[in-house]
């Protein structure tokens, strides 16, 4: 992956809430998802759809990427939702409950060139996640833990051991396909300690960022998914050590007693580029 644009914080907003949309233009979220699915009552969906299109087209989002979450394929609203997406041309269309490569392919067809973010939130989706990730036009995988937990009938604890297999499957599939992966939202907006713990876990597992449901969660996601000053400094040291070794005709370097190979130098350069993309906002 060579796109170093930050996707640390991915905030869901109900597309029917005009005040929330206006406020989102001032928030520090990297991505805003205008939601037409769970956050919108059935009788409000047509108005929310029109509002989402208007919000995308009217601009004013600055560096923030704006996506639209449609209703799932097969629902009463999905065809009109996808038509709206093609008209608005957001940064991505988020498609819930993608269960197979065939459904991913259908979503890509309906999206008409808009990148698809496929939500993995069912047992079938977890089983098919490799094929879904490999579908051309799918640009990211998004974990939907609430529905997955319901379908599994499990009770998820604070370290999410009960669904860690699914989380790791999503990250592995995304990395194999060269696309992004986003961790599930944390439902308790008052439990900042719990949010911190699962966000740190998500970064440790390899996710690119975290989906959020409230503006108070943005700071945690941005901080945890950003390289620390110490990490950036170490990355510069790794690159410098490797370049010095290469200038001496050596294929590897030694730094602080550890071997530095071309892989480590490449990872360090990626971290530096990502950090620079954040500070340039």
C-alpha atoms as a PDB file:
ATOM      1  CA  UNK A   1       0.000   0.000   0.000  1.00  0.00           C
ATOM      2  CA  UNK A   2       1.461   3.386  -1.018  1.00  0.00           C
ATOM      3  CA  UNK A   3      -1.410   5.728  -0.024  1.00  0.00           C
ATOM      4  CA  UNK A   4      -0.332   7.211   3.306  1.00  0.00           C
ATOM      5  CA  UNK A   5      -3.453   9.271   3.916  1.00  0.00           C
ATOM      6  CA  UNK A   6      -4.550   8.826   7.522  1.00  0.00           C
ATOM      7  CA  UNK A   7      -7.674   6.764   8.205  1.00  0.00           C
ATOM      8  CA  UNK A   8      -7.230   6.537  11.959  1.00  0.00           C
ATOM      9  CA  UNK A   9     -10.675   7.705  13.047  1.00  0.00           C
ATOM     10  CA  UNK A  10     -13.758   6.684  11.057  1.00  0.00           C
ATOM     11  CA  UNK A  11     -16.882   8.329  12.486  1.00  0.00           C
ATOM     12  CA  UNK A  12     -20.411   7.108  11.749  1.00  0.00           C
ATOM     13  CA  UNK A  13     -23.064   9.840  11.576  1.00  0.00           C
ATOM     14  CA  UNK A  14     -26.799   9.468  10.883  1.00  0.00           C
ATOM     15  CA  UNK A  15     -27.338  11.101   7.512  1.00  0.00           C
ATOM     16  CA  UNK A  16     -30.742  12.325   8.723  1.00  0.00           C
ATOM     17  CA  UNK A  17     -29.144  14.545  11.398  1.00  0.00           C
ATOM     18  CA  UNK A  18     -28.334  17.873   9.748  1.00  0.00           C
ATOM     19  CA  UNK A  19     -26.772  19.351  12.900  1.00  0.00           C
ATOM     20  CA  UNK A  20     -24.437  16.384  13.317  1.00  0.00           C
ATOM     21  CA  UNK A  21     -23.342  16.639   9.697  1.00  0.00           C
ATOM     22  CA  UNK A  22     -22.604  20.338  10.037  1.00  0.00           C
ATOM     23  CA  UNK A  23     -20.626  19.765  13.231  1.00  0.00           C
ATOM     24  CA  UNK A  24     -18.665  16.937  11.588  1.00  0.00           C
ATOM     25  CA  UNK A  25     -17.095  19.459   9.223  1.00  0.00           C
ATOM     26  CA  UNK A  26     -15.241  20.874  12.241  1.00  0.00           C
ATOM     27  CA  UNK A  27     -14.224  17.599  13.907  1.00  0.00           C
ATOM     28  CA  UNK A  28     -10.774  16.008  13.755  1.00  0.00           C
ATOM     29  CA  UNK A  29     -12.017  12.713  12.289  1.00  0.00           C
ATOM     30  CA  UNK A  30     -10.082  11.411   9.297  1.00  0.00           C
ATOM     31  CA  UNK A  31     -13.189   9.833   7.762  1.00  0.00           C
ATOM     32  CA  UNK A  32     -16.896  10.566   8.170  1.00  0.00           C
ATOM     33  CA  UNK A  33     -19.436   7.902   7.207  1.00  0.00           C
ATOM     34  CA  UNK A  34     -22.917   9.261   6.495  1.00  0.00           C
ATOM     35  CA  UNK A  35     -25.124   6.386   7.600  1.00  0.00           C
ATOM     36  CA  UNK A  36     -28.313   5.366   5.797  1.00  0.00           C
ATOM     37  CA  UNK A  37     -28.593   1.994   7.553  1.00  0.00           C
ATOM     38  CA  UNK A  38     -28.828   1.323  11.301  1.00  0.00           C
ATOM     39  CA  UNK A  39     -28.894   4.954  12.417  1.00  0.00           C
ATOM     40  CA  UNK A  40     -31.919   5.859  10.278  1.00  0.00           C
ATOM     41  CA  UNK A  41     -35.529   4.785  10.822  1.00  0.00           C
ATOM     42  CA  UNK A  42     -37.270   3.208   7.801  1.00  0.00           C
ATOM     43  CA  UNK A  43     -39.613   6.140   7.169  1.00  0.00           C
ATOM     44  CA  UNK A  44     -36.689   8.592   7.348  1.00  0.00           C
ATOM     45  CA  UNK A  45     -34.458   6.805   4.838  1.00  0.00           C
ATOM     46  CA  UNK A  46     -35.502   8.730   1.683  1.00  0.00           C
ATOM     47  CA  UNK A  47     -34.835  12.080   3.359  1.00  0.00           C
ATOM     48  CA  UNK A  48     -31.546  10.796   4.804  1.00  0.00           C
ATOM     49  CA  UNK A  49     -30.475   9.604   1.371  1.00  0.00           C
ATOM     50  CA  UNK A  50     -31.103  13.023  -0.145  1.00  0.00           C
ATOM     51  CA  UNK A  51     -29.304  14.691   2.759  1.00  0.00           C
ATOM     52  CA  UNK A  52     -26.251  12.447   2.305  1.00  0.00           C
ATOM     53  CA  UNK A  53     -25.999  13.327  -1.372  1.00  0.00           C
ATOM     54  CA  UNK A  54     -26.292  17.020  -0.594  1.00  0.00           C
ATOM     55  CA  UNK A  55     -23.709  16.799   2.193  1.00  0.00           C
ATOM     56  CA  UNK A  56     -21.148  15.171  -0.095  1.00  0.00           C
ATOM     57  CA  UNK A  57     -21.792  17.455  -3.039  1.00  0.00           C
ATOM     58  CA  UNK A  58     -21.780  20.665  -1.003  1.00  0.00           C
ATOM     59  CA  UNK A  59     -18.220  20.044   0.177  1.00  0.00           C
ATOM     60  CA  UNK A  60     -16.582  21.910   3.016  1.00  0.00           C
ATOM     61  CA  UNK A  61     -15.040  18.746   4.460  1.00  0.00           C
ATOM     62  CA  UNK A  62     -11.414  19.863   4.259  1.00  0.00           C
ATOM     63  CA  UNK A  63      -8.997  16.946   4.605  1.00  0.00           C
ATOM     64  CA  UNK A  64     -11.759  14.586   5.781  1.00  0.00           C
ATOM     65  CA  UNK A  65     -12.808  11.746   3.514  1.00  0.00           C
ATOM     66  CA  UNK A  66     -16.586  11.306   3.317  1.00  0.00           C
ATOM     67  CA  UNK A  67     -18.233   7.933   2.753  1.00  0.00           C
ATOM     68  CA  UNK A  68     -21.856   6.790   2.642  1.00  0.00           C
ATOM     69  CA  UNK A  69     -23.089   3.600   4.298  1.00  0.00           C
ATOM     70  CA  UNK A  70     -25.952   2.147   2.282  1.00  0.00           C
ATOM     71  CA  UNK A  71     -28.565  -0.349   3.352  1.00  0.00           C
ATOM     72  CA  UNK A  72     -27.644  -3.954   2.689  1.00  0.00           C
ATOM     73  CA  UNK A  73     -28.055  -5.647  -0.664  1.00  0.00           C
ATOM     74  CA  UNK A  74     -31.511  -7.217  -0.822  1.00  0.00           C
ATOM     75  CA  UNK A  75     -33.219  -4.668   1.422  1.00  0.00           C
ATOM     76  CA  UNK A  76     -36.006  -2.383   0.261  1.00  0.00           C
ATOM     77  CA  UNK A  77     -33.675   0.589   0.019  1.00  0.00           C
ATOM     78  CA  UNK A  78     -30.388  -0.616  -1.441  1.00  0.00           C
ATOM     79  CA  UNK A  79     -31.073   0.133  -5.117  1.00  0.00           C
ATOM     80  CA  UNK A  80     -32.015   3.748  -4.447  1.00  0.00           C
ATOM     81  CA  UNK A  81     -29.067   4.045  -2.040  1.00  0.00           C
ATOM     82  CA  UNK A  82     -26.576   2.917  -4.660  1.00  0.00           C
ATOM     83  CA  UNK A  83     -28.062   5.286  -7.239  1.00  0.00           C
ATOM     84  CA  UNK A  84     -27.542   8.094  -4.739  1.00  0.00           C
ATOM     85  CA  UNK A  85     -23.950   6.989  -4.191  1.00  0.00           C
ATOM     86  CA  UNK A  86     -23.224   7.096  -7.908  1.00  0.00           C
ATOM     87  CA  UNK A  87     -24.701  10.613  -8.048  1.00  0.00           C
ATOM     88  CA  UNK A  88     -22.797  11.907  -5.021  1.00  0.00           C
ATOM     89  CA  UNK A  89     -19.457  10.173  -5.713  1.00  0.00           C
ATOM     90  CA  UNK A  90     -18.211   9.978  -2.101  1.00  0.00           C
ATOM     91  CA  UNK A  91     -14.765   8.694  -1.192  1.00  0.00           C
ATOM     92  CA  UNK A  92     -16.251   5.246  -0.537  1.00  0.00           C
ATOM     93  CA  UNK A  93     -19.489   3.334  -0.154  1.00  0.00           C
ATOM     94  CA  UNK A  94     -19.740   1.213   2.983  1.00  0.00           C
ATOM     95  CA  UNK A  95     -21.774  -1.938   2.367  1.00  0.00           C
ATOM     96  CA  UNK A  96     -23.125  -3.857   5.390  1.00  0.00           C
ATOM     97  CA  UNK A  97     -23.227  -7.611   5.848  1.00  0.00           C
ATOM     98  CA  UNK A  98     -21.204  -8.684   2.817  1.00  0.00           C
ATOM     99  CA  UNK A  99     -21.320 -12.481   2.987  1.00  0.00           C
ATOM    100  CA  UNK A 100     -19.604 -13.653  -0.187  1.00  0.00           C
ATOM    101  CA  UNK A 101     -17.451 -12.676  -3.138  1.00  0.00           C
ATOM    102  CA  UNK A 102     -20.610 -12.662  -5.265  1.00  0.00           C
ATOM    103  CA  UNK A 103     -22.168 -10.038  -3.006  1.00  0.00           C
ATOM    104  CA  UNK A 104     -18.933  -8.032  -3.064  1.00  0.00           C
ATOM    105  CA  UNK A 105     -18.922  -8.156  -6.857  1.00  0.00           C
ATOM    106  CA  UNK A 106     -22.543  -6.985  -6.939  1.00  0.00           C
ATOM    107  CA  UNK A 107     -21.717  -4.111  -4.607  1.00  0.00           C
ATOM    108  CA  UNK A 108     -18.801  -3.068  -6.811  1.00  0.00           C
ATOM    109  CA  UNK A 109     -21.061  -3.189  -9.892  1.00  0.00           C
ATOM    110  CA  UNK A 110     -23.752  -1.109  -8.229  1.00  0.00           C
ATOM    111  CA  UNK A 111     -21.202   1.393  -6.888  1.00  0.00           C
ATOM    112  CA  UNK A 112     -20.207   2.357 -10.425  1.00  0.00           C
ATOM    113  CA  UNK A 113     -16.564   3.109  -9.703  1.00  0.00           C
ATOM    114  CA  UNK A 114     -16.897   4.338  -6.115  1.00  0.00           C
ATOM    115  CA  UNK A 115     -14.554   2.267  -3.894  1.00  0.00           C
ATOM    116  CA  UNK A 116     -16.384  -0.316  -1.801  1.00  0.00           C
ATOM    117  CA  UNK A 117     -15.736  -0.845   1.892  1.00  0.00           C
ATOM    118  CA  UNK A 118     -17.159  -4.265   2.717  1.00  0.00           C
ATOM    119  CA  UNK A 119     -18.446  -4.821   6.233  1.00  0.00           C
ATOM    120  CA  UNK A 120     -17.607  -8.199   7.738  1.00  0.00           C
ATOM    121  CA  UNK A 121     -20.234  -8.744  10.419  1.00  0.00           C
ATOM    122  CA  UNK A 122     -21.610 -12.258   9.986  1.00  0.00           C
ATOM    123  CA  UNK A 123     -20.184 -15.774  10.318  1.00  0.00           C
ATOM    124  CA  UNK A 124     -20.559 -16.197   6.540  1.00  0.00           C
ATOM    125  CA  UNK A 125     -18.652 -12.989   5.989  1.00  0.00           C
ATOM    126  CA  UNK A 126     -15.780 -14.187   8.166  1.00  0.00           C
ATOM    127  CA  UNK A 127     -15.664 -17.483   6.293  1.00  0.00           C
ATOM    128  CA  UNK A 128     -15.572 -15.698   2.932  1.00  0.00           C
ATOM    129  CA  UNK A 129     -13.382 -12.770   3.945  1.00  0.00           C
ATOM    130  CA  UNK A 130     -10.399 -13.778   1.778  1.00  0.00           C
ATOM    131  CA  UNK A 131     -12.483 -13.865  -1.404  1.00  0.00           C
ATOM    132  CA  UNK A 132     -14.287 -10.655  -0.455  1.00  0.00           C
ATOM    133  CA  UNK A 133     -10.976  -8.839   0.080  1.00  0.00           C
ATOM    134  CA  UNK A 134      -9.640 -10.106  -3.240  1.00  0.00           C
ATOM    135  CA  UNK A 135     -12.646  -8.756  -5.184  1.00  0.00           C
ATOM    136  CA  UNK A 136     -11.498  -5.930  -7.512  1.00  0.00           C
ATOM    137  CA  UNK A 137     -13.116  -2.685  -6.405  1.00  0.00           C
ATOM    138  CA  UNK A 138     -13.167  -3.571  -2.713  1.00  0.00           C
ATOM    139  CA  UNK A 139     -10.844  -1.052  -1.046  1.00  0.00           C
ATOM    140  CA  UNK A 140     -11.331  -1.872   2.638  1.00  0.00           C
ATOM    141  CA  UNK A 141     -12.819  -4.298   5.123  1.00  0.00           C
ATOM    142  CA  UNK A 142     -14.772  -3.003   8.127  1.00  0.00           C
ATOM    143  CA  UNK A 143     -15.515  -5.166  11.160  1.00  0.00           C
ATOM    144  CA  UNK A 144     -19.094  -5.034  12.409  1.00  0.00           C
ATOM    145  CA  UNK A 145     -18.757  -6.717  15.793  1.00  0.00           C
ATOM    146  CA  UNK A 146     -22.247  -6.149  17.194  1.00  0.00           C
ATOM    147  CA  UNK A 147     -24.004  -8.210  14.530  1.00  0.00           C
ATOM    148  CA  UNK A 148     -21.251 -10.814  14.562  1.00  0.00           C
ATOM    149  CA  UNK A 149     -21.533 -11.220  18.328  1.00  0.00           C
ATOM    150  CA  UNK A 150     -25.306 -11.569  18.026  1.00  0.00           C
ATOM    151  CA  UNK A 151     -25.036 -14.229  15.328  1.00  0.00           C
ATOM    152  CA  UNK A 152     -22.376 -16.136  17.254  1.00  0.00           C
ATOM    153  CA  UNK A 153     -24.319 -15.946  20.491  1.00  0.00           C
ATOM    154  CA  UNK A 154     -21.135 -15.060  22.355  1.00  0.00           C
ATOM    155  CA  UNK A 155     -20.539 -12.659  25.214  1.00  0.00           C
ATOM    156  CA  UNK A 156     -17.554 -10.519  24.405  1.00  0.00           C
ATOM    157  CA  UNK A 157     -15.279  -9.542  27.274  1.00  0.00           C
ATOM    158  CA  UNK A 158     -12.965  -6.554  27.624  1.00  0.00           C
ATOM    159  CA  UNK A 159     -10.096  -8.106  25.642  1.00  0.00           C
ATOM    160  CA  UNK A 160     -12.406  -9.496  22.922  1.00  0.00           C
ATOM    161  CA  UNK A 161     -10.840 -12.940  23.041  1.00  0.00           C
ATOM    162  CA  UNK A 162     -14.187 -14.385  21.954  1.00  0.00           C
ATOM    163  CA  UNK A 163     -13.968 -12.739  18.489  1.00  0.00           C
ATOM    164  CA  UNK A 164     -10.212 -12.380  18.105  1.00  0.00           C
ATOM    165  CA  UNK A 165     -10.110 -15.099  15.461  1.00  0.00           C
ATOM    166  CA  UNK A 166     -12.514 -13.064  13.325  1.00  0.00           C
ATOM    167  CA  UNK A 167     -10.565  -9.843  13.899  1.00  0.00           C
ATOM    168  CA  UNK A 168      -7.328 -11.493  12.839  1.00  0.00           C
ATOM    169  CA  UNK A 169      -8.964 -13.081   9.797  1.00  0.00           C
ATOM    170  CA  UNK A 170     -10.060  -9.636   8.629  1.00  0.00           C
ATOM    171  CA  UNK A 171      -6.606  -8.104   9.052  1.00  0.00           C
ATOM    172  CA  UNK A 172      -4.874 -11.019   7.326  1.00  0.00           C
ATOM    173  CA  UNK A 173      -7.293 -10.920   4.387  1.00  0.00           C
ATOM    174  CA  UNK A 174      -6.864  -7.169   4.012  1.00  0.00           C
ATOM    175  CA  UNK A 175      -3.091  -7.335   4.124  1.00  0.00           C
ATOM    176  CA  UNK A 176      -2.985 -10.203   1.625  1.00  0.00           C
ATOM    177  CA  UNK A 177      -5.155  -8.174  -0.755  1.00  0.00           C
ATOM    178  CA  UNK A 178      -3.304  -4.899  -0.163  1.00  0.00           C
ATOM    179  CA  UNK A 179      -6.373  -3.056   1.129  1.00  0.00           C
ATOM    180  CA  UNK A 180      -7.294  -1.313   4.389  1.00  0.00           C
ATOM    181  CA  UNK A 181      -8.926  -2.806   7.483  1.00  0.00           C
ATOM    182  CA  UNK A 182     -10.933  -0.976  10.144  1.00  0.00           C
ATOM    183  CA  UNK A 183     -11.702  -2.215  13.619  1.00  0.00           C
ATOM    184  CA  UNK A 184     -15.221  -2.348  15.053  1.00  0.00           C
ATOM    185  CA  UNK A 185     -16.820   0.530  16.946  1.00  0.00           C
ATOM    186  CA  UNK A 186     -16.895   0.585  20.747  1.00  0.00           C
ATOM    187  CA  UNK A 187     -20.504   0.967  21.914  1.00  0.00           C
ATOM    188  CA  UNK A 188     -20.052   2.524  25.379  1.00  0.00           C
ATOM    189  CA  UNK A 189     -19.368   6.194  24.704  1.00  0.00           C
ATOM    190  CA  UNK A 190     -18.777   6.947  28.401  1.00  0.00           C
ATOM    191  CA  UNK A 191     -16.200   4.192  28.983  1.00  0.00           C
ATOM    192  CA  UNK A 192     -13.011   5.875  27.839  1.00  0.00           C
ATOM    193  CA  UNK A 193     -10.779   3.314  29.549  1.00  0.00           C
ATOM    194  CA  UNK A 194     -12.492   0.487  27.693  1.00  0.00           C
ATOM    195  CA  UNK A 195     -12.188   2.415  24.429  1.00  0.00           C
ATOM    196  CA  UNK A 196      -8.488   2.956  25.035  1.00  0.00           C
ATOM    197  CA  UNK A 197      -7.929  -0.760  25.678  1.00  0.00           C
ATOM    198  CA  UNK A 198      -9.693  -2.037  22.559  1.00  0.00           C
ATOM    199  CA  UNK A 199      -8.163   0.704  20.390  1.00  0.00           C
ATOM    200  CA  UNK A 200      -4.682  -0.279  21.533  1.00  0.00           C
ATOM    201  CA  UNK A 201      -5.597  -3.898  20.820  1.00  0.00           C
ATOM    202  CA  UNK A 202      -6.809  -2.976  17.338  1.00  0.00           C
ATOM    203  CA  UNK A 203      -3.569  -1.231  16.507  1.00  0.00           C
ATOM    204  CA  UNK A 204      -1.579  -4.164  17.869  1.00  0.00           C
ATOM    205  CA  UNK A 205      -3.556  -6.517  15.619  1.00  0.00           C
ATOM    206  CA  UNK A 206      -2.689  -4.405  12.565  1.00  0.00           C
ATOM    207  CA  UNK A 207      -5.851  -2.420  11.793  1.00  0.00           C
ATOM    208  CA  UNK A 208      -5.471   0.898   9.976  1.00  0.00           C
ATOM    209  CA  UNK A 209      -7.997   2.706  12.152  1.00  0.00           C
ATOM    210  CA  UNK A 210     -11.153   2.371  14.217  1.00  0.00           C
ATOM    211  CA  UNK A 211     -14.793   3.027  13.467  1.00  0.00           C
ATOM    212  CA  UNK A 212     -16.452   5.340  15.994  1.00  0.00           C
ATOM    213  CA  UNK A 213     -19.958   6.361  16.991  1.00  0.00           C
ATOM    214  CA  UNK A 214     -19.334   9.575  18.953  1.00  0.00           C
ATOM    215  CA  UNK A 215     -17.049  12.602  18.549  1.00  0.00           C
ATOM    216  CA  UNK A 216     -15.581  12.057  22.032  1.00  0.00           C
ATOM    217  CA  UNK A 217     -13.941   8.875  20.719  1.00  0.00           C
ATOM    218  CA  UNK A 218     -11.964  10.634  17.960  1.00  0.00           C
ATOM    219  CA  UNK A 219      -9.012  11.750  20.076  1.00  0.00           C
ATOM    220  CA  UNK A 220      -8.325   8.225  21.306  1.00  0.00           C
ATOM    221  CA  UNK A 221      -8.353   6.727  17.815  1.00  0.00           C
ATOM    222  CA  UNK A 222      -6.178   9.478  16.348  1.00  0.00           C
ATOM    223  CA  UNK A 223      -3.638   9.223  19.136  1.00  0.00           C
ATOM    224  CA  UNK A 224      -3.396   5.438  19.256  1.00  0.00           C
ATOM    225  CA  UNK A 225      -3.178   5.000  15.486  1.00  0.00           C
ATOM    226  CA  UNK A 226      -0.562   7.745  15.093  1.00  0.00           C
ATOM    227  CA  UNK A 227       3.158   6.968  15.384  1.00  0.00           C
ATOM    228  CA  UNK A 228       4.665   8.357  18.566  1.00  0.00           C
ATOM    229  CA  UNK A 229       7.542  10.833  18.445  1.00  0.00           C
ATOM    230  CA  UNK A 230       9.850   8.067  19.673  1.00  0.00           C
ATOM    231  CA  UNK A 231       8.704   5.722  16.904  1.00  0.00           C
ATOM    232  CA  UNK A 232       9.321   8.379  14.258  1.00  0.00           C
ATOM    233  CA  UNK A 233      12.775   9.150  15.668  1.00  0.00           C
ATOM    234  CA  UNK A 234      13.663   5.449  15.670  1.00  0.00           C
ATOM    235  CA  UNK A 235      12.435   5.109  12.082  1.00  0.00           C
ATOM    236  CA  UNK A 236      14.793   7.909  10.993  1.00  0.00           C
ATOM    237  CA  UNK A 237      17.656   6.180  12.791  1.00  0.00           C
ATOM    238  CA  UNK A 238      16.875   2.889  11.040  1.00  0.00           C
ATOM    239  CA  UNK A 239      16.828   4.529   7.613  1.00  0.00           C
ATOM    240  CA  UNK A 240      20.066   6.392   8.326  1.00  0.00           C
ATOM    241  CA  UNK A 241      21.811   3.238   9.546  1.00  0.00           C
ATOM    242  CA  UNK A 242      20.706   1.245   6.527  1.00  0.00           C
ATOM    243  CA  UNK A 243      21.732   3.968   4.065  1.00  0.00           C
ATOM    244  CA  UNK A 244      25.147   4.244   5.717  1.00  0.00           C
ATOM    245  CA  UNK A 245      25.639   0.488   5.465  1.00  0.00           C
ATOM    246  CA  UNK A 246      24.554   0.496   1.830  1.00  0.00           C
ATOM    247  CA  UNK A 247      27.031   3.276   1.060  1.00  0.00           C
ATOM    248  CA  UNK A 248      29.755   1.018   2.481  1.00  0.00           C
ATOM    249  CA  UNK A 249      28.666  -1.772   0.174  1.00  0.00           C
ATOM    250  CA  UNK A 250      26.876  -3.758   2.874  1.00  0.00           C
ATOM    251  CA  UNK A 251      23.465  -5.359   2.554  1.00  0.00           C
ATOM    252  CA  UNK A 252      22.561  -5.082   6.221  1.00  0.00           C
ATOM    253  CA  UNK A 253      23.245  -2.683   9.071  1.00  0.00           C
ATOM    254  CA  UNK A 254      23.436  -2.982  12.839  1.00  0.00           C
ATOM    255  CA  UNK A 255      21.591  -0.568  15.112  1.00  0.00           C
ATOM    256  CA  UNK A 256      21.445  -0.884  18.900  1.00  0.00           C
ATOM    257  CA  UNK A 257      22.681  -4.449  18.585  1.00  0.00           C
ATOM    258  CA  UNK A 258      19.940  -5.453  16.126  1.00  0.00           C
ATOM    259  CA  UNK A 259      20.185  -6.329  12.446  1.00  0.00           C
ATOM    260  CA  UNK A 260      18.598  -3.832  10.036  1.00  0.00           C
ATOM    261  CA  UNK A 261      17.680  -5.287   6.647  1.00  0.00           C
ATOM    262  CA  UNK A 262      15.972  -3.807   3.614  1.00  0.00           C
ATOM    263  CA  UNK A 263      12.567  -4.852   5.011  1.00  0.00           C
ATOM    264  CA  UNK A 264      13.144  -2.862   8.204  1.00  0.00           C
ATOM    265  CA  UNK A 265      14.247   0.184   6.229  1.00  0.00           C
ATOM    266  CA  UNK A 266      11.143  -0.025   4.023  1.00  0.00           C
ATOM    267  CA  UNK A 267       8.880  -0.253   7.080  1.00  0.00           C
ATOM    268  CA  UNK A 268      10.647   2.716   8.642  1.00  0.00           C
ATOM    269  CA  UNK A 269      10.171   4.803   5.492  1.00  0.00           C
ATOM    270  CA  UNK A 270       6.459   3.948   5.447  1.00  0.00           C
ATOM    271  CA  UNK A 271       6.106   5.024   9.068  1.00  0.00           C
ATOM    272  CA  UNK A 272       7.884   8.308   8.353  1.00  0.00           C
ATOM    273  CA  UNK A 273       5.673   8.987   5.322  1.00  0.00           C
ATOM    274  CA  UNK A 274       2.538   8.236   7.344  1.00  0.00           C
ATOM    275  CA  UNK A 275       3.665  10.542  10.166  1.00  0.00           C
ATOM    276  CA  UNK A 276       4.381  13.318   7.659  1.00  0.00           C
ATOM    277  CA  UNK A 277       0.919  12.882   6.120  1.00  0.00           C
ATOM    278  CA  UNK A 278      -0.625  13.495   9.551  1.00  0.00           C
ATOM    279  CA  UNK A 279       1.458  16.565  10.419  1.00  0.00           C
ATOM    280  CA  UNK A 280       0.820  18.105   6.989  1.00  0.00           C
ATOM    281  CA  UNK A 281      -2.937  18.365   7.649  1.00  0.00           C
END
